[in-house]
Amino acid sequence: MVMIMKIKRLLIILLLSVLTFFITSCDYVITLNPPETTTLETSLYPTALNGTYTFEDSNYLDFPEYVSPTYSLTDVSAYNDVLLATQDYIRHANIEVYTTLSEEQFAFPWSNVPTEVEVATSQGSGFIFKEDDISYYAITNYHVINPNGYNAKYEVKAYGDKYYTEATVIAGDEDLDLAVIKFDKLYREDITIVNIEARLFYSFTPGELVMAVGNPLNLDNNVTFGEFISMESIDNVDYDVIHHNASIHEGSSGGALVDVDGNLLGVNAWGANSVDSESFAIPNYIVYIFLKNNGILD
């Protein structure tokens, strides 16, 4: 039975990976319902010391296992419908982040008036996790919006947008490699919000299916499939990160990593150029603590 389930899962991942590659802009009309899960004990939430939330990697070992009704589906068609619905849902929450860096320069040694000159641009991904009456709020990586000492202009392109619109960075942490950007809702209607709390302080199960959404290699709102492998320690990062094998490439940074139901597992940040299985993401509990410490969440 276990072997049959593994084979079924691998076949579905292969099928959807092919569909994703060739149909990166198709829409589905399936409605994604939030999963039914047990309530997490409040004692597992971190406590604030002098107004600041902290986390130790060893705390992860105390997280309970997450249980979703989707895991118990035995009908391949029903399971496939959930995957397609989740794929569509997270694509509608994905954004492209475009950063332009510039500085004032004098055109000639004798000039008295400086001119703003573009020195660099960068492009990455992000995802919408919150909204109010006039604005959307999105998470991305700090290295996507890092001004590096220059004047920075930020623009975003949300799902369905033809043009970039202006955005503002309202929080950032270079050590955590996380940032929050804010932009006006304007005319946008076909937007979804990633649930960042449903999988919060639950463990990740080795082998569980994951989806990565982003804008790699100029592919807008692209979704790839893979599995959670383990929690790992990597160089230059002060916390354990998620190791998974959903393919990410240049432009994927800041995109969401979600579970089968579309709940946030982490923020994709690092990947190996030569090995697709070497993908790493910032875990959701680090994201949550960052948002709490910056007053983004109540």
Protein backbone atom coordinates (compact mmCIF):
# COMPACT_ATOMS: atom_id res chain seq x y z
CA MET A 1 0.00 0.00 0.00
CA VAL A 2 2.79 2.41 0.92
CA MET A 3 4.58 1.61 -2.32
CA ILE A 4 1.38 2.24 -4.34
CA MET A 5 0.89 5.64 -2.67
CA LYS A 6 4.50 6.60 -3.39
CA ILE A 7 4.13 5.60 -7.04
CA LYS A 8 0.87 7.54 -7.31
CA ARG A 9 2.48 10.63 -5.82
CA LEU A 10 5.48 10.45 -8.15
CA LEU A 11 3.25 10.05 -11.21
CA ILE A 12 1.17 13.06 -10.20
CA ILE A 13 4.27 15.19 -9.57
CA LEU A 14 5.67 14.20 -12.98
CA LEU A 15 2.38 14.95 -14.75
CA LEU A 16 1.92 18.33 -13.11
CA SER A 17 5.54 19.32 -13.65
CA VAL A 18 5.05 18.79 -17.39
CA LEU A 19 1.79 20.74 -17.32
CA THR A 20 3.44 23.55 -15.39
CA PHE A 21 6.30 23.86 -17.87
CA PHE A 22 4.08 24.11 -20.92
CA ILE A 23 1.02 25.84 -19.43
CA THR A 24 2.36 28.57 -17.19
CA SER A 25 -0.52 30.97 -17.86
CA CYS A 26 -3.63 28.79 -17.86
CA ASP A 27 -6.34 29.34 -15.27
CA TYR A 28 -8.47 26.87 -13.36
CA VAL A 29 -11.90 27.48 -11.85
CA ILE A 30 -11.62 25.00 -9.00
CA THR A 31 -12.23 26.60 -5.61
CA LEU A 32 -9.59 25.89 -2.99
CA ASN A 33 -11.14 25.36 0.42
CA PRO A 34 -9.04 25.83 3.57
CA PRO A 35 -7.97 22.49 5.10
CA GLU A 36 -9.52 21.22 8.28
CA THR A 37 -6.81 20.90 10.90
CA THR A 38 -6.51 20.66 14.63
CA THR A 39 -5.86 23.82 16.63
CA LEU A 40 -2.25 24.38 17.59
CA GLU A 41 -1.50 24.75 21.28
CA THR A 42 -0.72 28.37 22.09
CA SER A 43 2.18 27.25 24.28
CA LEU A 44 4.16 26.49 21.11
CA TYR A 45 4.11 30.12 20.00
CA PRO A 46 7.28 32.06 20.87
CA THR A 47 7.14 34.56 23.70
CA ALA A 48 8.45 38.10 23.49
CA LEU A 49 11.39 39.26 25.61
CA ASN A 50 11.51 43.04 25.93
CA GLY A 51 9.11 43.26 23.01
CA THR A 52 11.19 41.06 20.70
CA TYR A 53 10.29 37.54 19.59
CA THR A 54 13.11 35.01 19.29
CA PHE A 55 13.43 31.38 18.18
CA GLU A 56 15.88 28.56 18.78
CA ASP A 57 16.34 25.88 16.12
CA SER A 58 15.90 23.22 18.80
CA ASN A 59 12.30 24.41 19.26
CA TYR A 60 11.45 22.87 15.90
CA LEU A 61 11.73 19.41 17.44
CA ASP A 62 8.69 20.18 19.61
CA PHE A 63 6.42 21.04 16.69
CA PRO A 64 3.49 18.63 16.20
CA GLU A 65 2.81 16.83 12.93
CA TYR A 66 0.45 18.57 10.52
CA VAL A 67 -2.59 16.60 9.36
CA SER A 68 -4.63 17.59 6.30
CA PRO A 69 -7.63 15.75 4.81
CA THR A 70 -5.82 15.93 1.48
CA TYR A 71 -3.23 13.47 2.76
CA SER A 72 -5.87 10.76 3.11
CA LEU A 73 -7.32 11.07 -0.41
CA THR A 74 -7.08 7.77 -2.27
CA ASP A 75 -8.74 8.90 -5.49
CA VAL A 76 -6.09 10.14 -7.92
CA SER A 77 -8.53 12.44 -9.70
CA ALA A 78 -9.61 14.13 -6.46
CA TYR A 79 -6.00 14.55 -5.38
CA ASN A 80 -5.12 15.96 -8.78
CA ASP A 81 -7.96 18.50 -8.48
CA VAL A 82 -6.52 19.73 -5.18
CA LEU A 83 -3.07 20.16 -6.72
CA LEU A 84 -4.43 22.09 -9.69
CA ALA A 85 -6.50 24.31 -7.41
CA THR A 86 -3.49 25.02 -5.21
CA GLN A 87 -1.32 25.72 -8.24
CA ASP A 88 -3.82 28.27 -9.52
CA TYR A 89 -4.34 29.82 -6.09
CA ILE A 90 -0.68 30.56 -5.40
CA ARG A 91 -0.11 31.91 -8.90
CA HIS A 92 -2.72 34.58 -8.18
CA ALA A 93 -0.82 35.60 -5.03
CA ASN A 94 2.57 35.79 -6.73
CA ILE A 95 4.18 39.10 -7.71
CA GLU A 96 7.26 40.20 -9.62
CA VAL A 97 9.50 42.69 -7.82
CA TYR A 98 11.64 45.05 -9.90
CA THR A 99 14.35 47.16 -8.24
CA THR A 100 16.15 50.05 -9.91
CA LEU A 101 19.24 51.51 -8.23
CA SER A 102 20.56 54.94 -9.11
CA GLU A 103 22.82 57.70 -7.85
CA GLU A 104 23.43 61.37 -8.51
CA GLN A 105 26.39 62.04 -10.79
CA PHE A 106 27.83 65.14 -12.40
CA ALA A 107 27.97 64.82 -16.16
CA PHE A 108 31.09 67.00 -16.34
CA PRO A 109 33.65 68.16 -13.76
CA TRP A 110 32.39 71.72 -14.11
CA SER A 111 28.69 70.81 -13.78
CA ASN A 112 26.77 72.38 -10.90
CA VAL A 113 23.60 70.28 -11.22
CA PRO A 114 23.79 66.50 -10.65
CA THR A 115 21.90 64.02 -12.79
CA GLU A 116 20.24 60.83 -11.52
CA VAL A 117 21.97 57.92 -13.25
CA GLU A 118 20.82 54.30 -13.21
CA VAL A 119 23.55 51.97 -11.97
CA ALA A 120 21.82 48.58 -11.60
CA THR A 121 18.52 46.71 -11.77
CA SER A 122 17.34 43.43 -10.28
CA GLN A 123 14.25 41.26 -10.50
CA GLY A 124 12.78 38.78 -8.06
CA SER A 125 9.58 37.32 -6.72
CA GLY A 126 7.26 37.83 -3.79
CA PHE A 127 3.80 36.86 -2.60
CA ILE A 128 0.84 38.68 -1.11
CA PHE A 129 0.05 37.69 2.48
CA LYS A 130 -2.10 40.58 3.72
CA GLU A 131 -4.44 43.31 2.51
CA ASP A 132 -6.37 46.28 3.81
CA ASP A 133 -8.88 48.59 2.13
CA ILE A 134 -6.34 50.26 -0.14
CA SER A 135 -3.13 48.21 -0.12
CA TYR A 136 -1.61 44.77 -0.59
CA TYR A 137 1.35 43.61 1.49
CA ALA A 138 3.88 41.16 0.07
CA ILE A 139 6.89 39.27 1.39
CA THR A 140 10.13 38.98 -0.57
CA ASN A 141 13.84 38.49 0.10
CA TYR A 142 15.93 41.39 1.34
CA HIS A 143 18.54 40.72 -1.33
CA VAL A 144 15.85 41.39 -3.95
CA ILE A 145 15.29 44.96 -2.69
CA ASN A 146 18.70 45.69 -1.12
CA PRO A 147 19.60 49.32 -2.01
CA ASN A 148 23.34 48.71 -1.46
CA GLY A 149 23.84 52.36 -0.59
CA TYR A 150 22.13 53.70 -3.72
CA ASN A 151 18.81 55.41 -4.30
CA ALA A 152 16.24 52.69 -4.89
CA LYS A 153 12.98 52.61 -6.81
CA TYR A 154 10.67 49.63 -6.32
CA GLU A 155 7.98 48.42 -8.69
CA VAL A 156 5.74 45.35 -8.73
CA LYS A 157 3.70 43.44 -11.23
CA ALA A 158 0.87 41.38 -9.71
CA TYR A 159 -1.14 38.60 -11.35
CA GLY A 160 -2.82 39.87 -14.51
CA ASP A 161 -0.88 43.14 -14.61
CA LYS A 162 0.48 44.39 -17.92
CA TYR A 163 2.59 47.13 -16.37
CA TYR A 164 4.68 47.72 -13.26
CA THR A 165 3.31 49.94 -10.50
CA GLU A 166 5.18 51.70 -7.70
CA ALA A 167 5.78 49.94 -4.38
CA THR A 168 7.29 50.88 -1.02
CA VAL A 169 9.51 48.81 1.27
CA ILE A 170 8.09 49.06 4.80
CA ALA A 171 10.30 46.53 6.61
CA GLY A 172 13.54 44.70 5.96
CA ASP A 173 16.13 42.55 7.70
CA GLU A 174 19.35 41.77 5.85
CA ASP A 175 20.41 39.06 8.32
CA LEU A 176 17.12 37.17 7.91
CA ASP A 177 16.99 38.05 4.19
CA LEU A 178 13.36 39.14 4.48
CA ALA A 179 11.47 42.26 3.48
CA VAL A 180 7.88 43.49 3.20
CA ILE A 181 6.68 45.69 0.38
CA LYS A 182 3.39 47.57 0.14
CA PHE A 183 1.54 48.68 -2.99
CA ASP A 184 -1.88 50.06 -3.88
CA LYS A 185 -4.70 47.72 -4.86
CA LEU A 186 -5.80 50.01 -7.71
CA TYR A 187 -7.90 48.09 -10.23
CA ARG A 188 -6.72 44.64 -9.22
CA GLU A 189 -9.40 42.06 -8.42
CA ASP A 190 -8.09 38.63 -9.41
CA ILE A 191 -5.71 38.38 -6.44
CA THR A 192 -5.40 35.76 -3.70
CA ILE A 193 -3.75 35.87 -0.28
CA VAL A 194 -1.33 33.16 0.89
CA ASN A 195 -2.21 31.74 4.29
CA ILE A 196 0.93 32.21 6.40
CA GLU A 197 -0.46 30.82 9.67
CA ALA A 198 -2.13 27.46 8.90
CA ARG A 199 1.20 25.57 8.92
CA LEU A 200 2.83 27.81 11.50
CA PHE A 201 4.73 25.88 14.21
CA TYR A 202 3.90 22.51 12.68
CA SER A 203 6.72 20.23 11.54
CA PHE A 204 7.45 19.52 7.89
CA THR A 205 7.22 15.85 6.90
CA PRO A 206 10.08 14.35 4.86
CA GLY A 207 8.68 13.41 1.47
CA GLU A 208 5.62 15.67 1.65
CA LEU A 209 4.77 17.44 -1.58
CA VAL A 210 5.74 21.11 -1.88
CA MET A 211 5.15 23.75 -4.55
CA ALA A 212 7.38 26.71 -5.37
CA VAL A 213 5.92 29.74 -7.14
CA GLY A 214 7.91 32.60 -8.64
CA ASN A 215 9.23 34.24 -11.79
CA PRO A 216 12.37 32.29 -12.74
CA LEU A 217 14.13 32.99 -16.02
CA ASN A 218 11.37 35.42 -17.14
CA LEU A 219 8.60 32.83 -16.65
CA ASP A 220 5.80 34.70 -14.89
CA ASN A 221 3.88 32.98 -12.08
CA ASN A 222 5.62 29.67 -12.66
CA VAL A 223 4.94 26.75 -10.30
CA THR A 224 7.26 23.79 -9.78
CA PHE A 225 6.70 20.66 -7.72
CA GLY A 226 8.96 18.74 -5.37
CA GLU A 227 9.30 17.30 -1.89
CA PHE A 228 10.47 18.51 1.49
CA ILE A 229 13.78 16.82 2.26
CA SER A 230 15.05 18.09 5.61
CA MET A 231 15.96 21.05 7.78
CA GLU A 232 19.55 22.05 7.12
CA SER A 233 22.23 24.44 8.34
CA ILE A 234 23.93 26.38 5.53
CA ASP A 235 26.76 28.89 5.41
CA ASN A 236 26.10 32.54 6.26
CA VAL A 237 22.63 31.86 7.68
CA ASP A 238 22.02 31.91 11.43
CA TYR A 239 19.00 29.57 11.43
CA ASP A 240 18.12 26.19 9.95
CA VAL A 241 16.52 26.38 6.51
CA ILE A 242 14.15 24.20 4.50
CA HIS A 243 15.87 21.90 2.02
CA HIS A 244 13.55 20.83 -0.82
CA ASN A 245 13.85 19.75 -4.44
CA ALA A 246 11.26 21.91 -6.21
CA SER A 247 13.26 23.62 -8.93
CA ILE A 248 14.09 27.32 -8.42
CA HIS A 249 16.34 29.54 -10.51
CA GLU A 250 17.37 33.16 -10.92
CA GLY A 251 14.25 35.26 -10.38
CA SER A 252 12.67 32.79 -7.94
CA SER A 253 14.03 34.57 -4.87
CA GLY A 254 11.26 35.78 -2.59
CA GLY A 255 8.64 33.39 -3.96
CA ALA A 256 6.42 31.26 -1.76
CA LEU A 257 7.00 27.61 -0.92
CA VAL A 258 3.67 26.01 0.02
CA ASP A 259 2.19 22.67 0.94
CA VAL A 260 -0.41 20.68 -1.01
CA ASP A 261 -3.20 22.92 0.35
CA GLY A 262 -1.44 26.19 -0.47
CA ASN A 263 -0.33 27.02 3.07
CA LEU A 264 3.01 28.77 3.45
CA LEU A 265 5.97 26.59 4.37
CA GLY A 266 8.69 29.11 3.60
CA VAL A 267 10.20 31.77 1.34
CA ASN A 268 12.52 30.53 -1.41
CA ALA A 269 15.88 32.25 -1.15
CA TRP A 270 18.78 30.09 -2.36
CA GLY A 271 19.39 27.44 -4.97
CA ALA A 272 22.27 25.76 -6.77
CA ASN A 273 22.62 26.71 -10.43
CA SER A 274 23.72 23.24 -11.46
CA VAL A 275 21.56 21.02 -9.21
CA ASP A 276 17.78 21.43 -9.14
CA SER A 277 17.47 19.35 -5.96
CA GLU A 278 19.50 21.90 -3.99
CA SER A 279 16.79 24.45 -3.16
CA PHE A 280 16.50 26.22 0.17
CA ALA A 281 13.80 28.32 1.78
CA ILE A 282 13.40 30.45 4.90
CA PRO A 283 10.97 28.59 7.20
CA ASN A 284 7.55 30.09 7.91
CA TYR A 285 8.20 30.53 11.63
CA ILE A 286 11.20 32.77 10.90
CA VAL A 287 8.95 34.80 8.58
CA TYR A 288 6.27 35.03 11.27
CA ILE A 289 8.72 36.26 13.92
CA PHE A 290 10.10 38.84 11.47
CA LEU A 291 6.59 40.14 10.80
CA LYS A 292 5.72 40.26 14.50
CA ASN A 293 8.92 42.07 15.46
CA ASN A 294 8.30 44.68 12.77
CA GLY A 295 4.70 45.31 13.77
CA ILE A 296 3.29 43.96 10.50
CA LEU A 297 1.15 41.38 12.31
CA ASP A 298 -0.92 42.05 15.42
